[in-house]
Amino acid sequence: MSNELKLNFMTIDGEIPTSYFLIISIGLTILSYLVYKKNGKSLEVYFLSVLTIIFYLSYIILIFVGPR
């Protein structure tokens, strides 16, 4: 690998792509469902559900408002 190619992989511009929020939201939805099926209603299910909602809202806000 040349130095130019290595530098392109290592750059950090401080922006998180919006697709990460969607991927995490889908993963949390699946995880919430699996935990619910295993344990029923529990504190973990509520916690995961709240996190899922927060990440979906963050994704929607980033889509409509956009990163500043």
N, C-alpha and C. Protein backbone atom coordinates (compact mmCIF):
# COMPACT_ATOMS: atom_id res chain seq x y z
N MET A 1 0.83 -1.18 0.00
CA MET A 1 0.00 0.00 0.00
C MET A 1 0.87 1.24 0.00
N SER A 2 0.52 2.16 -0.82
CA SER A 2 1.29 3.39 -0.86
C SER A 2 0.86 4.31 0.27
N ASN A 3 1.68 5.32 0.53
CA ASN A 3 1.36 6.26 1.60
C ASN A 3 0.10 7.06 1.31
N GLU A 4 -0.15 7.36 0.04
CA GLU A 4 -1.35 8.12 -0.31
C GLU A 4 -2.61 7.34 0.02
N LEU A 5 -2.61 6.06 -0.24
CA LEU A 5 -3.78 5.24 0.03
C LEU A 5 -3.98 5.09 1.54
N LYS A 6 -2.92 4.95 2.29
CA LYS A 6 -3.03 4.83 3.74
C LYS A 6 -3.61 6.10 4.33
N LEU A 7 -3.23 7.25 3.83
CA LEU A 7 -3.73 8.50 4.37
C LEU A 7 -5.22 8.68 4.11
N ASN A 8 -5.72 8.18 3.00
CA ASN A 8 -7.14 8.30 2.72
C ASN A 8 -7.97 7.47 3.69
N PHE A 9 -7.46 6.34 4.14
CA PHE A 9 -8.19 5.52 5.09
C PHE A 9 -8.14 6.11 6.49
N MET A 10 -7.14 6.88 6.79
CA MET A 10 -6.94 7.36 8.14
C MET A 10 -7.49 8.75 8.39
N THR A 11 -8.10 9.39 7.43
CA THR A 11 -8.60 10.74 7.65
C THR A 11 -9.88 10.68 8.46
N ILE A 12 -10.01 11.62 9.38
CA ILE A 12 -11.20 11.74 10.21
C ILE A 12 -11.68 13.18 10.10
N ASP A 13 -12.89 13.34 9.61
CA ASP A 13 -13.40 14.70 9.44
C ASP A 13 -14.43 15.07 10.51
N GLY A 14 -14.73 14.18 11.43
CA GLY A 14 -15.63 14.49 12.53
C GLY A 14 -17.09 14.33 12.21
N GLU A 15 -17.44 13.86 11.03
CA GLU A 15 -18.84 13.70 10.65
C GLU A 15 -19.21 12.23 10.66
N ILE A 16 -20.33 11.92 11.30
CA ILE A 16 -20.82 10.54 11.33
C ILE A 16 -21.85 10.41 10.21
N PRO A 17 -21.67 9.49 9.28
CA PRO A 17 -22.64 9.33 8.20
C PRO A 17 -24.02 8.94 8.75
N THR A 18 -25.06 9.46 8.12
CA THR A 18 -26.42 9.19 8.61
C THR A 18 -26.80 7.72 8.47
N SER A 19 -26.17 7.03 7.55
CA SER A 19 -26.50 5.61 7.37
C SER A 19 -26.13 4.79 8.60
N TYR A 20 -25.14 5.24 9.37
CA TYR A 20 -24.78 4.53 10.60
C TYR A 20 -25.95 4.54 11.58
N PHE A 21 -26.66 5.67 11.66
CA PHE A 21 -27.81 5.74 12.57
C PHE A 21 -28.90 4.77 12.14
N LEU A 22 -29.11 4.64 10.84
CA LEU A 22 -30.13 3.70 10.35
C LEU A 22 -29.72 2.26 10.62
N ILE A 23 -28.47 1.92 10.38
CA ILE A 23 -27.98 0.57 10.61
C ILE A 23 -28.07 0.20 12.09
N ILE A 24 -27.68 1.12 12.96
CA ILE A 24 -27.75 0.87 14.40
C ILE A 24 -29.21 0.73 14.84
N SER A 25 -30.10 1.55 14.28
CA SER A 25 -31.52 1.48 14.63
C SER A 25 -32.11 0.13 14.24
N ILE A 26 -31.78 -0.34 13.07
CA ILE A 26 -32.29 -1.65 12.64
C ILE A 26 -31.74 -2.76 13.53
N GLY A 27 -30.46 -2.66 13.87
CA GLY A 27 -29.85 -3.65 14.76
C GLY A 27 -30.49 -3.63 16.15
N LEU A 28 -30.77 -2.44 16.67
CA LEU A 28 -31.41 -2.35 17.97
C LEU A 28 -32.85 -2.86 17.93
N THR A 29 -33.53 -2.66 16.81
CA THR A 29 -34.89 -3.19 16.66
C THR A 29 -34.88 -4.71 16.72
N ILE A 30 -33.96 -5.32 16.00
CA ILE A 30 -33.84 -6.78 16.02
C ILE A 30 -33.45 -7.28 17.40
N LEU A 31 -32.50 -6.60 18.04
CA LEU A 31 -32.08 -7.00 19.37
C LEU A 31 -33.21 -6.86 20.38
N SER A 32 -33.98 -5.79 20.30
CA SER A 32 -35.11 -5.60 21.20
C SER A 32 -36.12 -6.73 21.03
N TYR A 33 -36.38 -7.09 19.79
CA TYR A 33 -37.33 -8.17 19.52
C TYR A 33 -36.83 -9.50 20.09
N LEU A 34 -35.55 -9.79 19.89
CA LEU A 34 -35.01 -11.06 20.39
C LEU A 34 -35.03 -11.12 21.91
N VAL A 35 -34.68 -10.01 22.56
CA VAL A 35 -34.69 -9.98 24.03
C VAL A 35 -36.12 -10.10 24.54
N TYR A 36 -37.06 -9.45 23.84
CA TYR A 36 -38.47 -9.55 24.24
C TYR A 36 -38.98 -10.98 24.12
N LYS A 37 -38.61 -11.66 23.04
CA LYS A 37 -39.04 -13.05 22.85
C LYS A 37 -38.44 -13.97 23.92
N LYS A 38 -37.22 -13.66 24.35
CA LYS A 38 -36.55 -14.53 25.32
C LYS A 38 -37.02 -14.26 26.75
N ASN A 39 -37.10 -12.97 27.13
CA ASN A 39 -37.36 -12.63 28.53
C ASN A 39 -38.73 -12.03 28.78
N GLY A 40 -39.48 -11.70 27.75
CA GLY A 40 -40.74 -11.00 27.96
C GLY A 40 -40.47 -9.53 28.28
N LYS A 41 -41.48 -8.88 28.85
CA LYS A 41 -41.29 -7.47 29.20
C LYS A 41 -40.33 -7.37 30.38
N SER A 42 -39.26 -6.64 30.17
CA SER A 42 -38.28 -6.45 31.23
C SER A 42 -37.64 -5.09 31.07
N LEU A 43 -36.82 -4.74 32.02
CA LEU A 43 -36.14 -3.45 31.99
C LEU A 43 -35.24 -3.34 30.77
N GLU A 44 -34.60 -4.43 30.37
CA GLU A 44 -33.72 -4.42 29.21
C GLU A 44 -34.48 -4.12 27.93
N VAL A 45 -35.68 -4.66 27.81
CA VAL A 45 -36.49 -4.42 26.61
C VAL A 45 -36.88 -2.95 26.53
N TYR A 46 -37.28 -2.37 27.66
CA TYR A 46 -37.63 -0.96 27.66
C TYR A 46 -36.43 -0.09 27.32
N PHE A 47 -35.29 -0.42 27.89
CA PHE A 47 -34.07 0.34 27.62
C PHE A 47 -33.69 0.27 26.14
N LEU A 48 -33.70 -0.94 25.58
CA LEU A 48 -33.37 -1.10 24.16
C LEU A 48 -34.40 -0.41 23.26
N SER A 49 -35.65 -0.43 23.66
CA SER A 49 -36.69 0.24 22.87
C SER A 49 -36.51 1.75 22.87
N VAL A 50 -36.17 2.30 24.01
CA VAL A 50 -35.91 3.75 24.08
C VAL A 50 -34.69 4.11 23.23
N LEU A 51 -33.63 3.32 23.30
CA LEU A 51 -32.46 3.57 22.46
C LEU A 51 -32.80 3.49 20.97
N THR A 52 -33.64 2.51 20.62
CA THR A 52 -34.06 2.36 19.23
C THR A 52 -34.81 3.60 18.76
N ILE A 53 -35.73 4.08 19.57
CA ILE A 53 -36.49 5.28 19.21
C ILE A 53 -35.57 6.48 19.07
N ILE A 54 -34.62 6.63 19.98
CA ILE A 54 -33.68 7.76 19.91
C ILE A 54 -32.87 7.71 18.63
N PHE A 55 -32.40 6.53 18.25
CA PHE A 55 -31.59 6.43 17.03
C PHE A 55 -32.43 6.64 15.77
N TYR A 56 -33.69 6.15 15.76
CA TYR A 56 -34.56 6.43 14.61
C TYR A 56 -34.85 7.93 14.50
N LEU A 57 -35.13 8.57 15.63
CA LEU A 57 -35.36 10.02 15.60
C LEU A 57 -34.12 10.78 15.14
N SER A 58 -32.96 10.34 15.59
CA SER A 58 -31.71 10.99 15.16
C SER A 58 -31.51 10.85 13.66
N TYR A 59 -31.82 9.68 13.13
CA TYR A 59 -31.70 9.45 11.69
C TYR A 59 -32.66 10.37 10.92
N ILE A 60 -33.91 10.43 11.37
CA ILE A 60 -34.90 11.27 10.69
C ILE A 60 -34.51 12.75 10.76
N ILE A 61 -34.04 13.19 11.92
CA ILE A 61 -33.61 14.58 12.06
C ILE A 61 -32.44 14.88 11.15
N LEU A 62 -31.48 13.98 11.06
CA LEU A 62 -30.34 14.21 10.18
C LEU A 62 -30.74 14.21 8.71
N ILE A 63 -31.73 13.43 8.35
CA ILE A 63 -32.19 13.41 6.96
C ILE A 63 -32.84 14.75 6.60
N PHE A 64 -33.73 15.24 7.47
CA PHE A 64 -34.47 16.46 7.14
C PHE A 64 -33.68 17.73 7.42
N VAL A 65 -32.97 17.78 8.53
CA VAL A 65 -32.22 18.99 8.88
C VAL A 65 -30.84 18.95 8.26
N GLY A 66 -30.20 17.79 8.28
CA GLY A 66 -28.86 17.65 7.74
C GLY A 66 -27.82 18.05 8.75
N PRO A 67 -26.62 17.52 8.59
CA PRO A 67 -25.54 17.89 9.51
C PRO A 67 -25.14 19.34 9.27
N ARG A 68 -24.81 20.02 10.30
CA ARG A 68 -24.45 21.44 10.19
C ARG A 68 -22.96 21.61 10.22
